[in-house]
Amino acid sequence: MTLIAALDLETTGLLAPDQRIIEIYVGVWELETKSLIREFEQRIDPQRSIAADAQRVHGISSVMLSGCPTWDFVAPDLVHALDGVDLVVAHNGDGFDKPFIEQEMKRVKVPFPDLKWYDTMTSLRCATPNGKVPNLGELCFAFDVEYDPSKAHAASYDVKVMAECFFRANAWGWVNLEELNIG
């Protein structure tokens, strides 16, 4: 059984040492059956303000995070959620999600497992006619996955449509898991 974890996060702003993760969703699927076998979803109190531009994108305010746990409490749960996975899939994982998570884990001194990652944004340029990196809507269009912009930028929604794109890309031969020593 091959386990694929797909994840997304929402943050207080762009990747920088003073920025924080405010929402994370991890779905773990069995590759062979495409069955969702477990989920981890958490909003996090960043203990700082949220940039206005970021709040306009994801719609999460500081008030909505009141009473949520801080990252130091969430970090061990994230490690547990990723236990046993063979591959982590993320849209902009190489340029944003992975380095952001690594920065936050280092900040709270929780070791982060060395996992294989697949970035649907940089690896599936086949989704756009000119080979540019696709946004999530373009990725969904290319792989015939229904996409609702009004639901976008909620971590769980983004992960679920991105995972469906990944599974279709794999079925259509656009993902080479052997190259990643997966499966």
C-alpha atoms as a PDB file:
ATOM      1  CA  MET A   1       0.000   0.000   0.000  1.00  0.00           C
ATOM      2  CA  THR A   2       1.383   3.370  -1.080  1.00  0.00           C
ATOM      3  CA  LEU A   3       0.328   6.388   0.986  1.00  0.00           C
ATOM      4  CA  ILE A   4       0.146   9.827  -0.593  1.00  0.00           C
ATOM      5  CA  ALA A   5      -0.261  12.863   1.666  1.00  0.00           C
ATOM      6  CA  ALA A   6      -1.566  16.007   0.030  1.00  0.00           C
ATOM      7  CA  LEU A   7      -1.314  19.223   1.992  1.00  0.00           C
ATOM      8  CA  ASP A   8      -1.902  22.933   1.881  1.00  0.00           C
ATOM      9  CA  LEU A   9      -1.547  25.791   4.292  1.00  0.00           C
ATOM     10  CA  GLU A  10      -2.727  29.321   4.729  1.00  0.00           C
ATOM     11  CA  THR A  11      -0.445  31.887   6.315  1.00  0.00           C
ATOM     12  CA  THR A  12      -0.187  35.384   7.753  1.00  0.00           C
ATOM     13  CA  GLY A  13       1.785  36.467   4.676  1.00  0.00           C
ATOM     14  CA  LEU A  14       4.534  35.463   2.288  1.00  0.00           C
ATOM     15  CA  LEU A  15       7.447  33.288   3.370  1.00  0.00           C
ATOM     16  CA  ALA A  16       9.584  35.263   5.820  1.00  0.00           C
ATOM     17  CA  PRO A  17      10.955  34.496   9.303  1.00  0.00           C
ATOM     18  CA  ASP A  18       8.249  36.557  11.051  1.00  0.00           C
ATOM     19  CA  GLN A  19       5.297  35.011   9.159  1.00  0.00           C
ATOM     20  CA  ARG A  20       3.238  32.110  10.532  1.00  0.00           C
ATOM     21  CA  ILE A  21       1.003  29.272   9.399  1.00  0.00           C
ATOM     22  CA  ILE A  22      -2.639  29.842  10.365  1.00  0.00           C
ATOM     23  CA  GLU A  23      -4.325  26.834   8.746  1.00  0.00           C
ATOM     24  CA  ILE A  24      -3.118  23.434   7.596  1.00  0.00           C
ATOM     25  CA  TYR A  25      -4.885  20.502   6.004  1.00  0.00           C
ATOM     26  CA  VAL A  26      -3.373  17.094   5.276  1.00  0.00           C
ATOM     27  CA  GLY A  27      -5.287  14.356   3.500  1.00  0.00           C
ATOM     28  CA  VAL A  28      -3.698  10.907   3.273  1.00  0.00           C
ATOM     29  CA  TRP A  29      -4.836   8.720   0.393  1.00  0.00           C
ATOM     30  CA  GLU A  30      -4.070   5.151  -0.548  1.00  0.00           C
ATOM     31  CA  LEU A  31      -2.635   5.507  -4.042  1.00  0.00           C
ATOM     32  CA  GLU A  32      -3.903   2.222  -5.412  1.00  0.00           C
ATOM     33  CA  THR A  33      -7.562   2.795  -4.461  1.00  0.00           C
ATOM     34  CA  LYS A  34      -7.515   6.603  -4.264  1.00  0.00           C
ATOM     35  CA  SER A  35      -9.274   6.214  -0.907  1.00  0.00           C
ATOM     36  CA  LEU A  36      -8.944   9.000   1.638  1.00  0.00           C
ATOM     37  CA  ILE A  37      -7.871   7.153   4.777  1.00  0.00           C
ATOM     38  CA  ARG A  38      -7.188   9.979   7.224  1.00  0.00           C
ATOM     39  CA  GLU A  39      -7.306  13.737   7.528  1.00  0.00           C
ATOM     40  CA  PHE A  40      -5.668  16.364   9.688  1.00  0.00           C
ATOM     41  CA  GLU A  41      -7.037  19.892   9.680  1.00  0.00           C
ATOM     42  CA  GLN A  42      -6.148  22.642  12.098  1.00  0.00           C
ATOM     43  CA  ARG A  43      -6.369  26.383  12.397  1.00  0.00           C
ATOM     44  CA  ILE A  44      -3.530  27.941  14.360  1.00  0.00           C
ATOM     45  CA  ASP A  45      -3.169  31.092  16.446  1.00  0.00           C
ATOM     46  CA  PRO A  46      -0.189  32.870  14.851  1.00  0.00           C
ATOM     47  CA  GLN A  47       0.322  35.211  17.820  1.00  0.00           C
ATOM     48  CA  ARG A  48       0.732  38.061  15.345  1.00  0.00           C
ATOM     49  CA  SER A  49      -1.359  40.037  12.885  1.00  0.00           C
ATOM     50  CA  ILE A  50      -2.369  38.760   9.456  1.00  0.00           C
ATOM     51  CA  ALA A  51      -1.293  40.803   6.437  1.00  0.00           C
ATOM     52  CA  ALA A  52      -4.269  42.465   4.726  1.00  0.00           C
ATOM     53  CA  ASP A  53      -3.290  40.957   1.344  1.00  0.00           C
ATOM     54  CA  ALA A  54      -3.166  37.459   2.843  1.00  0.00           C
ATOM     55  CA  GLN A  55      -6.500  37.939   4.609  1.00  0.00           C
ATOM     56  CA  ARG A  56      -8.101  39.051   1.315  1.00  0.00           C
ATOM     57  CA  VAL A  57      -6.912  35.794  -0.289  1.00  0.00           C
ATOM     58  CA  HIS A  58      -7.945  33.239   2.358  1.00  0.00           C
ATOM     59  CA  GLY A  59     -10.563  35.171   4.313  1.00  0.00           C
ATOM     60  CA  ILE A  60      -9.191  34.150   7.713  1.00  0.00           C
ATOM     61  CA  SER A  61      -9.081  36.881  10.355  1.00  0.00           C
ATOM     62  CA  SER A  62      -7.261  37.032  13.676  1.00  0.00           C
ATOM     63  CA  VAL A  63     -10.631  36.913  15.464  1.00  0.00           C
ATOM     64  CA  MET A  64     -11.373  33.552  13.776  1.00  0.00           C
ATOM     65  CA  LEU A  65      -8.142  32.155  15.260  1.00  0.00           C
ATOM     66  CA  SER A  66      -8.829  33.192  18.832  1.00  0.00           C
ATOM     67  CA  GLY A  67      -8.627  30.145  21.078  1.00  0.00           C
ATOM     68  CA  CYS A  68      -6.856  28.008  18.458  1.00  0.00           C
ATOM     69  CA  PRO A  69      -3.649  26.231  19.466  1.00  0.00           C
ATOM     70  CA  THR A  70      -0.274  27.738  18.646  1.00  0.00           C
ATOM     71  CA  TRP A  71       2.174  26.075  16.256  1.00  0.00           C
ATOM     72  CA  ASP A  72       4.240  24.515  19.048  1.00  0.00           C
ATOM     73  CA  PHE A  73       1.183  22.397  19.944  1.00  0.00           C
ATOM     74  CA  VAL A  74       0.249  21.646  16.307  1.00  0.00           C
ATOM     75  CA  ALA A  75       3.719  20.664  15.049  1.00  0.00           C
ATOM     76  CA  PRO A  76       3.822  17.185  16.704  1.00  0.00           C
ATOM     77  CA  ASP A  77       0.326  16.461  15.358  1.00  0.00           C
ATOM     78  CA  LEU A  78       1.505  17.319  11.835  1.00  0.00           C
ATOM     79  CA  VAL A  79       4.425  14.895  12.179  1.00  0.00           C
ATOM     80  CA  HIS A  80       1.965  12.224  13.334  1.00  0.00           C
ATOM     81  CA  ALA A  81      -0.388  12.985  10.412  1.00  0.00           C
ATOM     82  CA  LEU A  82       2.468  12.389   7.968  1.00  0.00           C
ATOM     83  CA  ASP A  83       3.596   9.160   9.634  1.00  0.00           C
ATOM     84  CA  GLY A  84       4.133   6.369   7.134  1.00  0.00           C
ATOM     85  CA  VAL A  85       3.471   8.388   3.982  1.00  0.00           C
ATOM     86  CA  ASP A  86       5.511   7.656   0.879  1.00  0.00           C
ATOM     87  CA  LEU A  87       5.060  11.018  -0.834  1.00  0.00           C
ATOM     88  CA  VAL A  88       3.810  14.507   0.009  1.00  0.00           C
ATOM     89  CA  VAL A  89       2.007  16.350  -2.787  1.00  0.00           C
ATOM     90  CA  ALA A  90       1.506  20.116  -2.669  1.00  0.00           C
ATOM     91  CA  HIS A  91       0.734  22.887  -5.158  1.00  0.00           C
ATOM     92  CA  ASN A  92       3.717  25.242  -4.838  1.00  0.00           C
ATOM     93  CA  GLY A  93       5.198  22.839  -2.304  1.00  0.00           C
ATOM     94  CA  ASP A  94       8.802  23.445  -3.344  1.00  0.00           C
ATOM     95  CA  GLY A  95       8.560  27.226  -3.269  1.00  0.00           C
ATOM     96  CA  PHE A  96       6.183  27.786  -0.378  1.00  0.00           C
ATOM     97  CA  ASP A  97       4.572  24.971   1.633  1.00  0.00           C
ATOM     98  CA  LYS A  98       7.647  22.859   2.343  1.00  0.00           C
ATOM     99  CA  PRO A  99      10.009  25.740   3.247  1.00  0.00           C
ATOM    100  CA  PHE A 100       7.280  27.386   5.326  1.00  0.00           C
ATOM    101  CA  ILE A 101       6.647  24.183   7.288  1.00  0.00           C
ATOM    102  CA  GLU A 102      10.387  23.578   7.720  1.00  0.00           C
ATOM    103  CA  GLN A 103      10.836  27.152   8.996  1.00  0.00           C
ATOM    104  CA  GLU A 104       8.021  26.748  11.516  1.00  0.00           C
ATOM    105  CA  MET A 105       9.220  23.306  12.691  1.00  0.00           C
ATOM    106  CA  LYS A 106      12.717  24.653  13.219  1.00  0.00           C
ATOM    107  CA  ARG A 107      11.329  27.649  15.109  1.00  0.00           C
ATOM    108  CA  VAL A 108       9.569  25.389  17.644  1.00  0.00           C
ATOM    109  CA  LYS A 109      12.383  22.813  17.618  1.00  0.00           C
ATOM    110  CA  VAL A 110      10.293  19.866  16.357  1.00  0.00           C
ATOM    111  CA  PRO A 111      12.163  17.614  13.913  1.00  0.00           C
ATOM    112  CA  PHE A 112      10.408  17.345  10.558  1.00  0.00           C
ATOM    113  CA  PRO A 113      10.656  14.003   8.746  1.00  0.00           C
ATOM    114  CA  ASP A 114      12.681  13.821   5.549  1.00  0.00           C
ATOM    115  CA  LEU A 115       9.927  13.017   3.053  1.00  0.00           C
ATOM    116  CA  LYS A 116       9.739  12.934  -0.735  1.00  0.00           C
ATOM    117  CA  TRP A 117       7.744  15.813  -2.188  1.00  0.00           C
ATOM    118  CA  TYR A 118       5.951  16.321  -5.502  1.00  0.00           C
ATOM    119  CA  ASP A 119       5.006  19.855  -6.507  1.00  0.00           C
ATOM    120  CA  THR A 120       1.987  19.924  -8.835  1.00  0.00           C
ATOM    121  CA  MET A 121       2.679  23.540  -9.750  1.00  0.00           C
ATOM    122  CA  THR A 122       6.211  23.042 -11.064  1.00  0.00           C
ATOM    123  CA  SER A 123       5.899  19.426 -12.215  1.00  0.00           C
ATOM    124  CA  LEU A 124       2.621  19.667 -14.141  1.00  0.00           C
ATOM    125  CA  ARG A 125       3.347  22.494 -16.548  1.00  0.00           C
ATOM    126  CA  CYS A 126       1.608  20.290 -19.114  1.00  0.00           C
ATOM    127  CA  ALA A 127      -1.582  21.819 -17.690  1.00  0.00           C
ATOM    128  CA  THR A 128      -1.014  25.090 -19.537  1.00  0.00           C
ATOM    129  CA  PRO A 129      -0.660  25.537 -23.302  1.00  0.00           C
ATOM    130  CA  ASN A 130       2.508  27.621 -22.987  1.00  0.00           C
ATOM    131  CA  GLY A 131       4.158  25.555 -20.238  1.00  0.00           C
ATOM    132  CA  LYS A 132       3.915  28.235 -17.559  1.00  0.00           C
ATOM    133  CA  VAL A 133       3.353  27.102 -13.994  1.00  0.00           C
ATOM    134  CA  PRO A 134      -0.386  26.562 -13.586  1.00  0.00           C
ATOM    135  CA  ASN A 135      -2.470  28.070 -10.866  1.00  0.00           C
ATOM    136  CA  LEU A 136      -4.836  25.640  -9.172  1.00  0.00           C
ATOM    137  CA  GLY A 137      -7.760  26.611 -11.396  1.00  0.00           C
ATOM    138  CA  GLU A 138      -5.723  25.966 -14.543  1.00  0.00           C
ATOM    139  CA  LEU A 139      -4.536  22.645 -13.141  1.00  0.00           C
ATOM    140  CA  CYS A 140      -8.127  21.586 -12.473  1.00  0.00           C
ATOM    141  CA  PHE A 141      -9.238  22.668 -15.947  1.00  0.00           C
ATOM    142  CA  ALA A 142      -6.452  20.654 -17.590  1.00  0.00           C
ATOM    143  CA  PHE A 143      -7.303  17.491 -15.657  1.00  0.00           C
ATOM    144  CA  ASP A 144     -11.079  17.928 -15.897  1.00  0.00           C
ATOM    145  CA  VAL A 145     -11.567  18.436 -12.153  1.00  0.00           C
ATOM    146  CA  GLU A 146     -14.431  20.692 -11.112  1.00  0.00           C
ATOM    147  CA  TYR A 147     -13.078  23.899  -9.557  1.00  0.00           C
ATOM    148  CA  ASP A 148     -15.111  26.473  -7.671  1.00  0.00           C
ATOM    149  CA  PRO A 149     -13.195  29.760  -7.212  1.00  0.00           C
ATOM    150  CA  SER A 150     -15.544  30.747  -4.379  1.00  0.00           C
ATOM    151  CA  LYS A 151     -14.245  27.768  -2.346  1.00  0.00           C
ATOM    152  CA  ALA A 152     -10.574  28.286  -3.255  1.00  0.00           C
ATOM    153  CA  HIS A 153      -7.966  29.189  -0.639  1.00  0.00           C
ATOM    154  CA  ALA A 154      -9.500  27.041   2.054  1.00  0.00           C
ATOM    155  CA  ALA A 155      -6.758  24.507   2.712  1.00  0.00           C
ATOM    156  CA  SER A 156      -9.048  21.456   2.697  1.00  0.00           C
ATOM    157  CA  TYR A 157     -10.766  22.438  -0.571  1.00  0.00           C
ATOM    158  CA  ASP A 158      -7.490  23.208  -2.327  1.00  0.00           C
ATOM    159  CA  VAL A 159      -5.984  19.885  -1.231  1.00  0.00           C
ATOM    160  CA  LYS A 160      -8.936  17.814  -2.363  1.00  0.00           C
ATOM    161  CA  VAL A 161      -9.064  19.256  -5.889  1.00  0.00           C
ATOM    162  CA  MET A 162      -5.266  19.216  -6.177  1.00  0.00           C
ATOM    163  CA  ALA A 163      -5.151  15.564  -5.086  1.00  0.00           C
ATOM    164  CA  GLU A 164      -7.749  14.659  -7.719  1.00  0.00           C
ATOM    165  CA  CYS A 165      -5.584  16.427 -10.334  1.00  0.00           C
ATOM    166  CA  PHE A 166      -2.548  14.477  -9.113  1.00  0.00           C
ATOM    167  CA  PHE A 167      -4.384  11.146  -9.356  1.00  0.00           C
ATOM    168  CA  ARG A 168      -5.624  11.958 -12.868  1.00  0.00           C
ATOM    169  CA  ALA A 169      -2.185  13.138 -13.942  1.00  0.00           C
ATOM    170  CA  ASN A 170      -0.760   9.872 -12.622  1.00  0.00           C
ATOM    171  CA  ALA A 171      -3.412   7.804 -14.433  1.00  0.00           C
ATOM    172  CA  TRP A 172      -2.815   9.740 -17.655  1.00  0.00           C
ATOM    173  CA  GLY A 173       0.944   9.127 -17.473  1.00  0.00           C
ATOM    174  CA  TRP A 174       2.064  12.655 -16.535  1.00  0.00           C
ATOM    175  CA  VAL A 175       3.480  11.602 -13.152  1.00  0.00           C
ATOM    176  CA  ASN A 176       6.427   9.207 -13.003  1.00  0.00           C
ATOM    177  CA  LEU A 177       6.312   7.642  -9.553  1.00  0.00           C
ATOM    178  CA  GLU A 178       9.088   5.188 -10.436  1.00  0.00           C
ATOM    179  CA  GLU A 179      11.391   8.147 -10.926  1.00  0.00           C
ATOM    180  CA  LEU A 180      10.537   9.114  -7.336  1.00  0.00           C
ATOM    181  CA  ASN A 181      11.011   5.493  -6.138  1.00  0.00           C
ATOM    182  CA  ILE A 182       7.347   5.370  -5.140  1.00  0.00           C
ATOM    183  CA  GLY A 183       4.919   2.486  -5.686  1.00  0.00           C
END
